[in-house]
Amino acid sequence: MDKAGNFIGWLHVDGVNLSIALVEHALSKVHFTAERSNYYKTLLSAEEAAKQKKEKIWSKFEDHPVEEVVAVVEEKERNASYKPVLVTEITDELHFYVQDVETGTQLEKLMESMRSEIASSPPLEGSFAPRRGDYCIAKFIDGEWYRARVEKIESPSKVHVFYIDYGNRETVPSTRLGTLPTAFSVRTLPAQAVEYSFAFIQVPQDEDARADVVDNVVRDIQNTQCLLNVEYAGTGCPHVTLQFADSKEDVGLGLVKEGLVMVEVRKEKQFQKLVAEYLNAQESAKSARLNLWRYGDFRADDADEFGYSR
């Protein structure tokens, strides 16, 4: 018996040691604790024979694995493959959610069919018992039903939900929630709202300055079709550049030109041309004393205090 009160021993059925049988049939591996048992050598022999057959758990076993040497080629060219997206939500942290334009028709059809089914058989008010992480349907303030996920439950009257196809959040009573019909689950169509963050810029840590940036971005691109290119991975979500669909102007670069944000310098070779363009725009904004730069270059004295770095 072990410390947890479990019995540990050998089980024999019709004279057959089941531990050895499991190893022989490639259904189990030999545990190191078997070293002290009388069956250890038998178990090792059974395991070796099972490995040679390369079945079940040993199907990918290699006797002498050869380490593959992969030549690492440093990427010197920036990959610019912009795709059309619809910006649906801007967060207070200056992250944003987008829908892929190419799958927009699929979402429209799913929503139309889902609402038709709900209208013919509406959920019984109060019958849905929300649990954190559950997918559900939620009635938005416009009176329409949308796919959502439960993020937090404070009380039956305060359930925090995330609208998985649009990226916005809301606190609603459980009476405005219902079971998501299986035909419209994320297996049928994955959540369409994907989170991103701007590449090459530092989000202001000062609340007022950050609010100014968010207001500008909401005004310029929310519910607008843009072009998106993933530049590099980031904590929580990928960092991207956005372009206005009509003018092809860089949205993030525009924020730098207005003096609303500072540049985040990247060292990768493929980004140097673009980073130089951002830095030149920052110098122009600084010279014109726009927004963040209205009192000159503050970075030398209080950059750390305000969450900026050179």
C-alpha atoms as a PDB file:
ATOM      1  CA  MET A   1       0.000   0.000   0.000  1.00  0.00           C
ATOM      2  CA  ASP A   2       1.323   3.463  -0.892  1.00  0.00           C
ATOM      3  CA  LYS A   3       1.063   6.717   1.083  1.00  0.00           C
ATOM      4  CA  ALA A   4      -2.277   7.526  -0.532  1.00  0.00           C
ATOM      5  CA  GLY A   5      -3.797   4.243   0.597  1.00  0.00           C
ATOM      6  CA  ASN A   6      -3.692   2.573  -2.828  1.00  0.00           C
ATOM      7  CA  PHE A   7      -2.920  -1.141  -3.115  1.00  0.00           C
ATOM      8  CA  ILE A   8       0.025  -1.868  -5.418  1.00  0.00           C
ATOM      9  CA  GLY A   9       0.671  -5.412  -6.523  1.00  0.00           C
ATOM     10  CA  TRP A  10       0.449  -7.999  -9.286  1.00  0.00           C
ATOM     11  CA  LEU A  11      -2.815  -9.133 -10.799  1.00  0.00           C
ATOM     12  CA  HIS A  12      -2.963 -12.636 -12.273  1.00  0.00           C
ATOM     13  CA  VAL A  13      -5.863 -13.946 -14.334  1.00  0.00           C
ATOM     14  CA  ASP A  14      -5.846 -17.622 -15.293  1.00  0.00           C
ATOM     15  CA  GLY A  15      -2.154 -17.718 -14.442  1.00  0.00           C
ATOM     16  CA  VAL A  16      -1.314 -14.717 -16.658  1.00  0.00           C
ATOM     17  CA  ASN A  17       0.441 -11.692 -15.145  1.00  0.00           C
ATOM     18  CA  LEU A  18      -1.618  -8.795 -16.547  1.00  0.00           C
ATOM     19  CA  SER A  19       1.258  -6.306 -16.209  1.00  0.00           C
ATOM     20  CA  ILE A  20       3.456  -8.452 -18.443  1.00  0.00           C
ATOM     21  CA  ALA A  21       0.570  -9.036 -20.851  1.00  0.00           C
ATOM     22  CA  LEU A  22      -0.060  -5.294 -21.234  1.00  0.00           C
ATOM     23  CA  VAL A  23       3.615  -4.656 -21.968  1.00  0.00           C
ATOM     24  CA  GLU A  24       3.795  -7.587 -24.429  1.00  0.00           C
ATOM     25  CA  HIS A  25       0.844  -6.218 -26.393  1.00  0.00           C
ATOM     26  CA  ALA A  26       2.336  -2.693 -26.585  1.00  0.00           C
ATOM     27  CA  LEU A  27      -0.384  -1.257 -24.369  1.00  0.00           C
ATOM     28  CA  SER A  28       1.892  -0.135 -21.551  1.00  0.00           C
ATOM     29  CA  LYS A  29       5.497   0.734 -20.718  1.00  0.00           C
ATOM     30  CA  VAL A  30       7.689  -0.552 -17.902  1.00  0.00           C
ATOM     31  CA  HIS A  31       7.723   1.782 -14.916  1.00  0.00           C
ATOM     32  CA  PHE A  32      11.024   2.340 -13.113  1.00  0.00           C
ATOM     33  CA  THR A  33       9.522   1.084  -9.845  1.00  0.00           C
ATOM     34  CA  ALA A  34       9.488  -2.420 -11.355  1.00  0.00           C
ATOM     35  CA  GLU A  35      13.274  -2.617 -10.916  1.00  0.00           C
ATOM     36  CA  ARG A  36      12.838  -4.069  -7.439  1.00  0.00           C
ATOM     37  CA  SER A  37      10.383  -6.768  -8.496  1.00  0.00           C
ATOM     38  CA  ASN A  38      10.974 -10.383  -9.462  1.00  0.00           C
ATOM     39  CA  TYR A  39       9.306  -9.701 -12.820  1.00  0.00           C
ATOM     40  CA  TYR A  40      11.610  -6.873 -13.907  1.00  0.00           C
ATOM     41  CA  LYS A  41      13.693  -8.873 -16.415  1.00  0.00           C
ATOM     42  CA  THR A  42      10.567 -10.442 -17.882  1.00  0.00           C
ATOM     43  CA  LEU A  43       8.960  -7.032 -18.249  1.00  0.00           C
ATOM     44  CA  LEU A  44      12.057  -5.616 -19.974  1.00  0.00           C
ATOM     45  CA  SER A  45      12.148  -8.532 -22.412  1.00  0.00           C
ATOM     46  CA  ALA A  46       8.454  -8.095 -23.167  1.00  0.00           C
ATOM     47  CA  GLU A  47       8.917  -4.363 -23.718  1.00  0.00           C
ATOM     48  CA  GLU A  48      11.879  -4.878 -26.051  1.00  0.00           C
ATOM     49  CA  ALA A  49       9.907  -7.381 -28.125  1.00  0.00           C
ATOM     50  CA  ALA A  50       6.963  -4.979 -28.331  1.00  0.00           C
ATOM     51  CA  LYS A  51       9.258  -2.168 -29.479  1.00  0.00           C
ATOM     52  CA  GLN A  52      10.539  -4.267 -32.368  1.00  0.00           C
ATOM     53  CA  LYS A  53       6.994  -4.913 -33.584  1.00  0.00           C
ATOM     54  CA  LYS A  54       6.384  -1.128 -33.682  1.00  0.00           C
ATOM     55  CA  GLU A  55       2.725  -1.425 -32.828  1.00  0.00           C
ATOM     56  CA  LYS A  56       0.362   0.699 -30.750  1.00  0.00           C
ATOM     57  CA  ILE A  57       2.367   2.879 -28.337  1.00  0.00           C
ATOM     58  CA  TRP A  58       5.618   1.889 -30.074  1.00  0.00           C
ATOM     59  CA  SER A  59       4.372   2.593 -33.616  1.00  0.00           C
ATOM     60  CA  LYS A  60       6.812   5.492 -33.979  1.00  0.00           C
ATOM     61  CA  PHE A  61       9.686   3.906 -32.082  1.00  0.00           C
ATOM     62  CA  GLU A  62      13.163   4.156 -33.614  1.00  0.00           C
ATOM     63  CA  ASP A  63      16.034   1.955 -32.417  1.00  0.00           C
ATOM     64  CA  HIS A  64      18.646   4.559 -33.182  1.00  0.00           C
ATOM     65  CA  PRO A  65      16.957   7.868 -33.772  1.00  0.00           C
ATOM     66  CA  VAL A  66      18.917  10.085 -36.100  1.00  0.00           C
ATOM     67  CA  GLU A  67      18.989  13.723 -35.203  1.00  0.00           C
ATOM     68  CA  GLU A  68      17.913  15.720 -38.194  1.00  0.00           C
ATOM     69  CA  VAL A  69      20.015  18.789 -38.763  1.00  0.00           C
ATOM     70  CA  VAL A  70      17.861  21.617 -40.015  1.00  0.00           C
ATOM     71  CA  ALA A  71      19.593  24.578 -41.515  1.00  0.00           C
ATOM     72  CA  VAL A  72      18.274  27.757 -39.928  1.00  0.00           C
ATOM     73  CA  VAL A  73      17.977  30.478 -42.510  1.00  0.00           C
ATOM     74  CA  GLU A  74      17.643  33.939 -41.059  1.00  0.00           C
ATOM     75  CA  GLU A  75      14.705  35.704 -42.612  1.00  0.00           C
ATOM     76  CA  LYS A  76      15.953  38.857 -44.312  1.00  0.00           C
ATOM     77  CA  GLU A  77      12.820  39.867 -46.163  1.00  0.00           C
ATOM     78  CA  ARG A  78       9.672  41.009 -44.426  1.00  0.00           C
ATOM     79  CA  ASN A  79       6.679  38.887 -45.372  1.00  0.00           C
ATOM     80  CA  ALA A  80       3.871  41.222 -46.425  1.00  0.00           C
ATOM     81  CA  SER A  81       0.763  39.165 -47.166  1.00  0.00           C
ATOM     82  CA  TYR A  82      -2.114  41.455 -46.311  1.00  0.00           C
ATOM     83  CA  LYS A  83      -5.590  39.966 -46.062  1.00  0.00           C
ATOM     84  CA  PRO A  84      -8.941  41.773 -45.836  1.00  0.00           C
ATOM     85  CA  VAL A  85     -10.532  41.846 -42.384  1.00  0.00           C
ATOM     86  CA  LEU A  86     -13.410  43.616 -40.682  1.00  0.00           C
ATOM     87  CA  VAL A  87     -12.466  45.342 -37.421  1.00  0.00           C
ATOM     88  CA  THR A  88     -15.293  44.654 -34.977  1.00  0.00           C
ATOM     89  CA  GLU A  89     -14.005  45.725 -31.559  1.00  0.00           C
ATOM     90  CA  ILE A  90     -11.273  47.889 -29.995  1.00  0.00           C
ATOM     91  CA  THR A  91     -10.293  47.232 -26.379  1.00  0.00           C
ATOM     92  CA  ASP A  92      -9.126  49.728 -23.761  1.00  0.00           C
ATOM     93  CA  GLU A  93      -5.640  48.174 -24.038  1.00  0.00           C
ATOM     94  CA  LEU A  94      -5.582  49.003 -27.774  1.00  0.00           C
ATOM     95  CA  HIS A  95      -5.999  45.400 -28.816  1.00  0.00           C
ATOM     96  CA  PHE A  96      -8.588  44.794 -31.477  1.00  0.00           C
ATOM     97  CA  TYR A  97     -10.733  41.975 -32.815  1.00  0.00           C
ATOM     98  CA  VAL A  98     -11.308  41.260 -36.480  1.00  0.00           C
ATOM     99  CA  GLN A  99     -13.332  38.913 -38.643  1.00  0.00           C
ATOM    100  CA  ASP A 100     -11.852  37.358 -41.761  1.00  0.00           C
ATOM    101  CA  VAL A 101     -13.738  38.835 -44.711  1.00  0.00           C
ATOM    102  CA  GLU A 102     -13.438  35.543 -46.602  1.00  0.00           C
ATOM    103  CA  THR A 103     -15.562  33.714 -44.012  1.00  0.00           C
ATOM    104  CA  GLY A 104     -17.995  36.580 -43.488  1.00  0.00           C
ATOM    105  CA  THR A 105     -20.667  34.978 -45.666  1.00  0.00           C
ATOM    106  CA  GLN A 106     -20.490  31.764 -43.631  1.00  0.00           C
ATOM    107  CA  LEU A 107     -21.078  33.706 -40.424  1.00  0.00           C
ATOM    108  CA  GLU A 108     -24.023  35.581 -41.919  1.00  0.00           C
ATOM    109  CA  LYS A 109     -25.665  32.324 -43.003  1.00  0.00           C
ATOM    110  CA  LEU A 110     -25.032  30.708 -39.618  1.00  0.00           C
ATOM    111  CA  MET A 111     -26.503  33.675 -37.736  1.00  0.00           C
ATOM    112  CA  GLU A 112     -29.557  33.753 -39.986  1.00  0.00           C
ATOM    113  CA  SER A 113     -30.220  30.025 -39.551  1.00  0.00           C
ATOM    114  CA  MET A 114     -29.547  30.137 -35.805  1.00  0.00           C
ATOM    115  CA  ARG A 115     -31.917  33.036 -35.196  1.00  0.00           C
ATOM    116  CA  SER A 116     -34.582  31.370 -37.301  1.00  0.00           C
ATOM    117  CA  GLU A 117     -34.342  28.218 -35.184  1.00  0.00           C
ATOM    118  CA  ILE A 118     -34.378  30.236 -31.946  1.00  0.00           C
ATOM    119  CA  ALA A 119     -37.433  32.178 -33.128  1.00  0.00           C
ATOM    120  CA  SER A 120     -39.320  28.948 -33.814  1.00  0.00           C
ATOM    121  CA  SER A 121     -38.280  27.429 -30.490  1.00  0.00           C
ATOM    122  CA  PRO A 122     -37.165  30.203 -28.102  1.00  0.00           C
ATOM    123  CA  PRO A 123     -35.248  29.248 -24.948  1.00  0.00           C
ATOM    124  CA  LEU A 124     -37.262  29.115 -21.755  1.00  0.00           C
ATOM    125  CA  GLU A 125     -36.299  32.174 -19.721  1.00  0.00           C
ATOM    126  CA  GLY A 126     -34.156  31.212 -16.749  1.00  0.00           C
ATOM    127  CA  SER A 127     -33.712  27.593 -17.853  1.00  0.00           C
ATOM    128  CA  PHE A 128     -30.033  28.012 -18.750  1.00  0.00           C
ATOM    129  CA  ALA A 129     -27.628  27.529 -15.839  1.00  0.00           C
ATOM    130  CA  PRO A 130     -24.388  29.237 -16.920  1.00  0.00           C
ATOM    131  CA  ARG A 131     -20.998  27.793 -16.066  1.00  0.00           C
ATOM    132  CA  ARG A 132     -17.657  29.422 -16.676  1.00  0.00           C
ATOM    133  CA  GLY A 133     -16.294  28.438 -20.081  1.00  0.00           C
ATOM    134  CA  ASP A 134     -19.667  27.366 -21.467  1.00  0.00           C
ATOM    135  CA  TYR A 135     -20.643  28.360 -24.980  1.00  0.00           C
ATOM    136  CA  CYS A 136     -24.142  29.757 -25.144  1.00  0.00           C
ATOM    137  CA  ILE A 137     -26.410  32.205 -26.925  1.00  0.00           C
ATOM    138  CA  ALA A 138     -26.821  35.685 -25.486  1.00  0.00           C
ATOM    139  CA  LYS A 139     -29.380  38.340 -26.308  1.00  0.00           C
ATOM    140  CA  PHE A 140     -27.582  41.611 -27.021  1.00  0.00           C
ATOM    141  CA  ILE A 141     -29.039  45.070 -26.373  1.00  0.00           C
ATOM    142  CA  ASP A 142     -30.255  45.148 -29.989  1.00  0.00           C
ATOM    143  CA  GLY A 143     -32.620  42.279 -29.149  1.00  0.00           C
ATOM    144  CA  GLU A 144     -30.781  39.777 -31.357  1.00  0.00           C
ATOM    145  CA  TRP A 145     -29.180  36.490 -30.292  1.00  0.00           C
ATOM    146  CA  TYR A 146     -25.428  35.954 -30.725  1.00  0.00           C
ATOM    147  CA  ARG A 147     -22.971  33.176 -29.946  1.00  0.00           C
ATOM    148  CA  ALA A 148     -21.102  33.816 -26.700  1.00  0.00           C
ATOM    149  CA  ARG A 149     -18.887  32.251 -24.037  1.00  0.00           C
ATOM    150  CA  VAL A 150     -19.366  32.614 -20.284  1.00  0.00           C
ATOM    151  CA  GLU A 151     -16.267  34.194 -18.714  1.00  0.00           C
ATOM    152  CA  LYS A 152     -17.351  34.900 -15.143  1.00  0.00           C
ATOM    153  CA  ILE A 153     -20.414  34.524 -12.928  1.00  0.00           C
ATOM    154  CA  GLU A 154     -20.933  36.997 -10.097  1.00  0.00           C
ATOM    155  CA  SER A 155     -24.592  36.167  -9.557  1.00  0.00           C
ATOM    156  CA  PRO A 156     -27.608  35.076 -11.627  1.00  0.00           C
ATOM    157  CA  SER A 157     -28.119  38.734 -12.507  1.00  0.00           C
ATOM    158  CA  LYS A 158     -24.461  39.393 -13.386  1.00  0.00           C
ATOM    159  CA  VAL A 159     -22.954  36.978 -15.880  1.00  0.00           C
ATOM    160  CA  HIS A 160     -19.935  38.161 -17.873  1.00  0.00           C
ATOM    161  CA  VAL A 161     -20.006  36.960 -21.467  1.00  0.00           C
ATOM    162  CA  PHE A 162     -17.708  37.318 -24.465  1.00  0.00           C
ATOM    163  CA  TYR A 163     -19.288  37.484 -27.914  1.00  0.00           C
ATOM    164  CA  ILE A 164     -17.058  35.061 -29.779  1.00  0.00           C
ATOM    165  CA  ASP A 165     -17.783  36.331 -33.286  1.00  0.00           C
ATOM    166  CA  TYR A 166     -17.371  40.051 -32.562  1.00  0.00           C
ATOM    167  CA  GLY A 167     -14.931  40.411 -29.652  1.00  0.00           C
ATOM    168  CA  ASN A 168     -17.075  42.573 -27.370  1.00  0.00           C
ATOM    169  CA  ARG A 169     -17.971  41.774 -23.782  1.00  0.00           C
ATOM    170  CA  GLU A 170     -21.079  42.390 -21.728  1.00  0.00           C
ATOM    171  CA  THR A 171     -22.521  41.665 -18.294  1.00  0.00           C
ATOM    172  CA  VAL A 172     -26.022  40.234 -18.572  1.00  0.00           C
ATOM    173  CA  PRO A 173     -28.578  38.451 -16.381  1.00  0.00           C
ATOM    174  CA  SER A 174     -28.791  34.699 -16.909  1.00  0.00           C
ATOM    175  CA  THR A 175     -32.334  35.220 -18.208  1.00  0.00           C
ATOM    176  CA  ARG A 176     -30.765  36.639 -21.385  1.00  0.00           C
ATOM    177  CA  LEU A 177     -28.779  33.464 -21.988  1.00  0.00           C
ATOM    178  CA  GLY A 178     -29.670  30.155 -23.551  1.00  0.00           C
ATOM    179  CA  THR A 179     -28.158  26.886 -24.726  1.00  0.00           C
ATOM    180  CA  LEU A 180     -26.228  27.144 -27.994  1.00  0.00           C
ATOM    181  CA  PRO A 181     -27.844  24.726 -30.475  1.00  0.00           C
ATOM    182  CA  THR A 182     -25.393  22.008 -31.526  1.00  0.00           C
ATOM    183  CA  ALA A 183     -25.838  22.816 -35.209  1.00  0.00           C
ATOM    184  CA  PHE A 184     -24.321  26.260 -34.616  1.00  0.00           C
ATOM    185  CA  SER A 185     -21.445  25.334 -32.301  1.00  0.00           C
ATOM    186  CA  VAL A 186     -17.793  26.279 -32.792  1.00  0.00           C
ATOM    187  CA  ARG A 187     -17.320  22.888 -34.437  1.00  0.00           C
ATOM    188  CA  THR A 188     -19.640  23.991 -37.210  1.00  0.00           C
ATOM    189  CA  LEU A 189     -17.954  27.387 -37.531  1.00  0.00           C
ATOM    190  CA  PRO A 190     -15.037  28.444 -35.288  1.00  0.00           C
ATOM    191  CA  ALA A 191     -15.282  31.675 -33.307  1.00  0.00           C
ATOM    192  CA  GLN A 192     -14.849  34.439 -35.868  1.00  0.00           C
ATOM    193  CA  ALA A 193     -13.417  37.213 -33.679  1.00  0.00           C
ATOM    194  CA  VAL A 194      -9.608  37.000 -33.586  1.00  0.00           C
ATOM    195  CA  GLU A 195      -7.553  39.212 -31.277  1.00  0.00           C
ATOM    196  CA  TYR A 196      -4.527  41.202 -32.469  1.00  0.00           C
ATOM    197  CA  SER A 197      -2.289  44.039 -31.327  1.00  0.00           C
ATOM    198  CA  PHE A 198      -0.475  46.763 -33.260  1.00  0.00           C
ATOM    199  CA  ALA A 199       3.122  46.011 -34.221  1.00  0.00           C
ATOM    200  CA  PHE A 200       5.995  48.489 -33.806  1.00  0.00           C
ATOM    201  CA  ILE A 201       4.235  50.805 -31.355  1.00  0.00           C
ATOM    202  CA  GLN A 202       4.178  51.209 -27.579  1.00  0.00           C
ATOM    203  CA  VAL A 203       0.764  51.642 -26.031  1.00  0.00           C
ATOM    204  CA  PRO A 204       0.741  54.628 -23.617  1.00  0.00           C
ATOM    205  CA  GLN A 205       0.573  53.584 -19.978  1.00  0.00           C
ATOM    206  CA  ASP A 206      -0.913  56.918 -18.928  1.00  0.00           C
ATOM    207  CA  GLU A 207      -4.694  56.425 -18.838  1.00  0.00           C
ATOM    208  CA  ASP A 208      -5.587  59.740 -20.472  1.00  0.00           C
ATOM    209  CA  ALA A 209      -3.026  59.317 -23.244  1.00  0.00           C
ATOM    210  CA  ARG A 210      -4.168  55.754 -23.880  1.00  0.00           C
ATOM    211  CA  ALA A 211      -7.809  56.854 -23.968  1.00  0.00           C
ATOM    212  CA  ASP A 212      -6.914  59.420 -26.653  1.00  0.00           C
ATOM    213  CA  VAL A 213      -5.350  56.705 -28.808  1.00  0.00           C
ATOM    214  CA  VAL A 214      -8.285  54.332 -28.346  1.00  0.00           C
ATOM    215  CA  ASP A 215     -10.765  57.083 -29.253  1.00  0.00           C
ATOM    216  CA  ASN A 216      -8.841  57.814 -32.450  1.00  0.00           C
ATOM    217  CA  VAL A 217      -8.633  54.156 -33.435  1.00  0.00           C
ATOM    218  CA  VAL A 218     -12.329  53.559 -32.718  1.00  0.00           C
ATOM    219  CA  ARG A 219     -13.229  56.556 -34.852  1.00  0.00           C
ATOM    220  CA  ASP A 220     -10.964  55.495 -37.718  1.00  0.00           C
ATOM    221  CA  ILE A 221     -11.330  51.730 -38.045  1.00  0.00           C
ATOM    222  CA  GLN A 222     -14.070  50.178 -35.881  1.00  0.00           C
ATOM    223  CA  ASN A 223     -16.654  48.420 -38.082  1.00  0.00           C
ATOM    224  CA  THR A 224     -14.400  49.182 -41.043  1.00  0.00           C
ATOM    225  CA  GLN A 225     -12.744  46.842 -43.514  1.00  0.00           C
ATOM    226  CA  CYS A 226      -8.949  46.964 -43.358  1.00  0.00           C
ATOM    227  CA  LEU A 227      -5.976  44.972 -44.598  1.00  0.00           C
ATOM    228  CA  LEU A 228      -4.008  42.979 -42.000  1.00  0.00           C
ATOM    229  CA  ASN A 229      -0.510  41.496 -42.027  1.00  0.00           C
ATOM    230  CA  VAL A 230       0.940  39.450 -39.156  1.00  0.00           C
ATOM    231  CA  GLU A 231       4.434  40.733 -38.354  1.00  0.00           C
ATOM    232  CA  TYR A 232       5.557  38.809 -35.264  1.00  0.00           C
ATOM    233  CA  ALA A 233       4.281  36.841 -32.285  1.00  0.00           C
ATOM    234  CA  GLY A 234       3.483  38.616 -29.054  1.00  0.00           C
ATOM    235  CA  THR A 235       2.321  37.916 -25.524  1.00  0.00           C
ATOM    236  CA  GLY A 236      -1.320  36.954 -25.718  1.00  0.00           C
ATOM    237  CA  CYS A 237      -1.860  37.652 -29.407  1.00  0.00           C
ATOM    238  CA  PRO A 238       0.026  38.282 -32.671  1.00  0.00           C
ATOM    239  CA  HIS A 239       1.300  41.770 -33.503  1.00  0.00           C
ATOM    240  CA  VAL A 240       0.201  43.085 -36.873  1.00  0.00           C
ATOM    241  CA  THR A 241       0.192  46.063 -39.174  1.00  0.00           C
ATOM    242  CA  LEU A 242      -3.130  47.360 -40.459  1.00  0.00           C
ATOM    243  CA  GLN A 243      -3.800  49.339 -43.603  1.00  0.00           C
ATOM    244  CA  PHE A 244      -6.884  51.278 -44.594  1.00  0.00           C
ATOM    245  CA  ALA A 245      -8.524  49.256 -47.362  1.00  0.00           C
ATOM    246  CA  ASP A 246      -8.924  52.215 -49.719  1.00  0.00           C
ATOM    247  CA  SER A 247      -5.747  54.275 -49.275  1.00  0.00           C
ATOM    248  CA  LYS A 248      -3.412  51.445 -48.124  1.00  0.00           C
ATOM    249  CA  GLU A 249      -2.060  53.837 -45.482  1.00  0.00           C
ATOM    250  CA  ASP A 250      -0.590  52.227 -42.360  1.00  0.00           C
ATOM    251  CA  VAL A 251      -2.913  52.768 -39.375  1.00  0.00           C
ATOM    252  CA  GLY A 252      -0.179  52.337 -36.753  1.00  0.00           C
ATOM    253  CA  LEU A 253       2.185  54.638 -38.612  1.00  0.00           C
ATOM    254  CA  GLY A 254      -0.577  57.239 -38.653  1.00  0.00           C
ATOM    255  CA  LEU A 255      -0.785  57.066 -34.855  1.00  0.00           C
ATOM    256  CA  VAL A 256       2.967  57.667 -34.658  1.00  0.00           C
ATOM    257  CA  LYS A 257       2.698  60.640 -37.037  1.00  0.00           C
ATOM    258  CA  GLU A 258       0.020  62.166 -34.805  1.00  0.00           C
ATOM    259  CA  GLY A 259       2.268  61.804 -31.765  1.00  0.00           C
ATOM    260  CA  LEU A 260      -0.275  59.543 -30.064  1.00  0.00           C
ATOM    261  CA  VAL A 261       2.104  56.606 -29.542  1.00  0.00           C
ATOM    262  CA  MET A 262       5.814  55.898 -29.431  1.00  0.00           C
ATOM    263  CA  VAL A 263       7.725  53.459 -31.590  1.00  0.00           C
ATOM    264  CA  GLU A 264       8.701  50.011 -30.359  1.00  0.00           C
ATOM    265  CA  VAL A 265      12.046  49.327 -32.013  1.00  0.00           C
ATOM    266  CA  ARG A 266      12.548  45.808 -33.347  1.00  0.00           C
ATOM    267  CA  LYS A 267      16.027  44.435 -34.081  1.00  0.00           C
ATOM    268  CA  GLU A 268      15.121  41.865 -36.763  1.00  0.00           C
ATOM    269  CA  LYS A 269      16.721  42.641 -40.121  1.00  0.00           C
ATOM    270  CA  GLN A 270      13.505  42.210 -42.072  1.00  0.00           C
ATOM    271  CA  PHE A 271      11.855  45.014 -40.095  1.00  0.00           C
ATOM    272  CA  GLN A 272      14.592  47.644 -40.290  1.00  0.00           C
ATOM    273  CA  LYS A 273      13.184  49.531 -43.274  1.00  0.00           C
ATOM    274  CA  LEU A 274       9.732  49.764 -41.713  1.00  0.00           C
ATOM    275  CA  VAL A 275      11.084  50.634 -38.257  1.00  0.00           C
ATOM    276  CA  ALA A 276      13.151  53.438 -39.808  1.00  0.00           C
ATOM    277  CA  GLU A 277       9.982  54.841 -41.378  1.00  0.00           C
ATOM    278  CA  TYR A 278       8.237  54.717 -37.999  1.00  0.00           C
ATOM    279  CA  LEU A 279      11.175  56.417 -36.253  1.00  0.00           C
ATOM    280  CA  ASN A 280      11.272  59.190 -38.864  1.00  0.00           C
ATOM    281  CA  ALA A 281       7.555  59.771 -38.295  1.00  0.00           C
ATOM    282  CA  GLN A 282       8.177  59.905 -34.550  1.00  0.00           C
ATOM    283  CA  GLU A 283      10.900  62.529 -34.982  1.00  0.00           C
ATOM    284  CA  SER A 284       8.535  64.657 -37.080  1.00  0.00           C
ATOM    285  CA  ALA A 285       5.805  64.414 -34.430  1.00  0.00           C
ATOM    286  CA  LYS A 286       8.318  65.287 -31.737  1.00  0.00           C
ATOM    287  CA  SER A 287       9.559  68.325 -33.672  1.00  0.00           C
ATOM    288  CA  ALA A 288       5.969  69.504 -34.130  1.00  0.00           C
ATOM    289  CA  ARG A 289       5.257  68.859 -30.411  1.00  0.00           C
ATOM    290  CA  LEU A 290       2.170  66.801 -31.162  1.00  0.00           C
ATOM    291  CA  ASN A 291       0.193  65.175 -28.332  1.00  0.00           C
ATOM    292  CA  LEU A 292       2.696  63.060 -26.331  1.00  0.00           C
ATOM    293  CA  TRP A 293       5.465  65.434 -27.415  1.00  0.00           C
ATOM    294  CA  ARG A 294       3.658  68.675 -26.542  1.00  0.00           C
ATOM    295  CA  TYR A 295       6.174  69.358 -23.762  1.00  0.00           C
ATOM    296  CA  GLY A 296       9.177  68.097 -25.681  1.00  0.00           C
ATOM    297  CA  ASP A 297      11.045  64.811 -25.327  1.00  0.00           C
ATOM    298  CA  PHE A 298      10.016  63.530 -21.897  1.00  0.00           C
ATOM    299  CA  ARG A 299      11.738  60.164 -22.202  1.00  0.00           C
ATOM    300  CA  ALA A 300      15.066  61.090 -20.636  1.00  0.00           C
ATOM    301  CA  ASP A 301      13.537  62.072 -17.301  1.00  0.00           C
ATOM    302  CA  ASP A 302      10.354  60.136 -16.748  1.00  0.00           C
ATOM    303  CA  ALA A 303      10.113  57.400 -19.359  1.00  0.00           C
ATOM    304  CA  ASP A 304      10.087  54.680 -16.702  1.00  0.00           C
ATOM    305  CA  GLU A 305       7.450  56.478 -14.671  1.00  0.00           C
ATOM    306  CA  PHE A 306       5.087  56.634 -17.619  1.00  0.00           C
ATOM    307  CA  GLY A 307       5.879  53.182 -18.931  1.00  0.00           C
ATOM    308  CA  TYR A 308       7.889  54.125 -22.021  1.00  0.00           C
ATOM    309  CA  SER A 309      11.279  53.011 -23.216  1.00  0.00           C
ATOM    310  CA  ARG A 310      13.582  54.367 -25.880  1.00  0.00           C
END
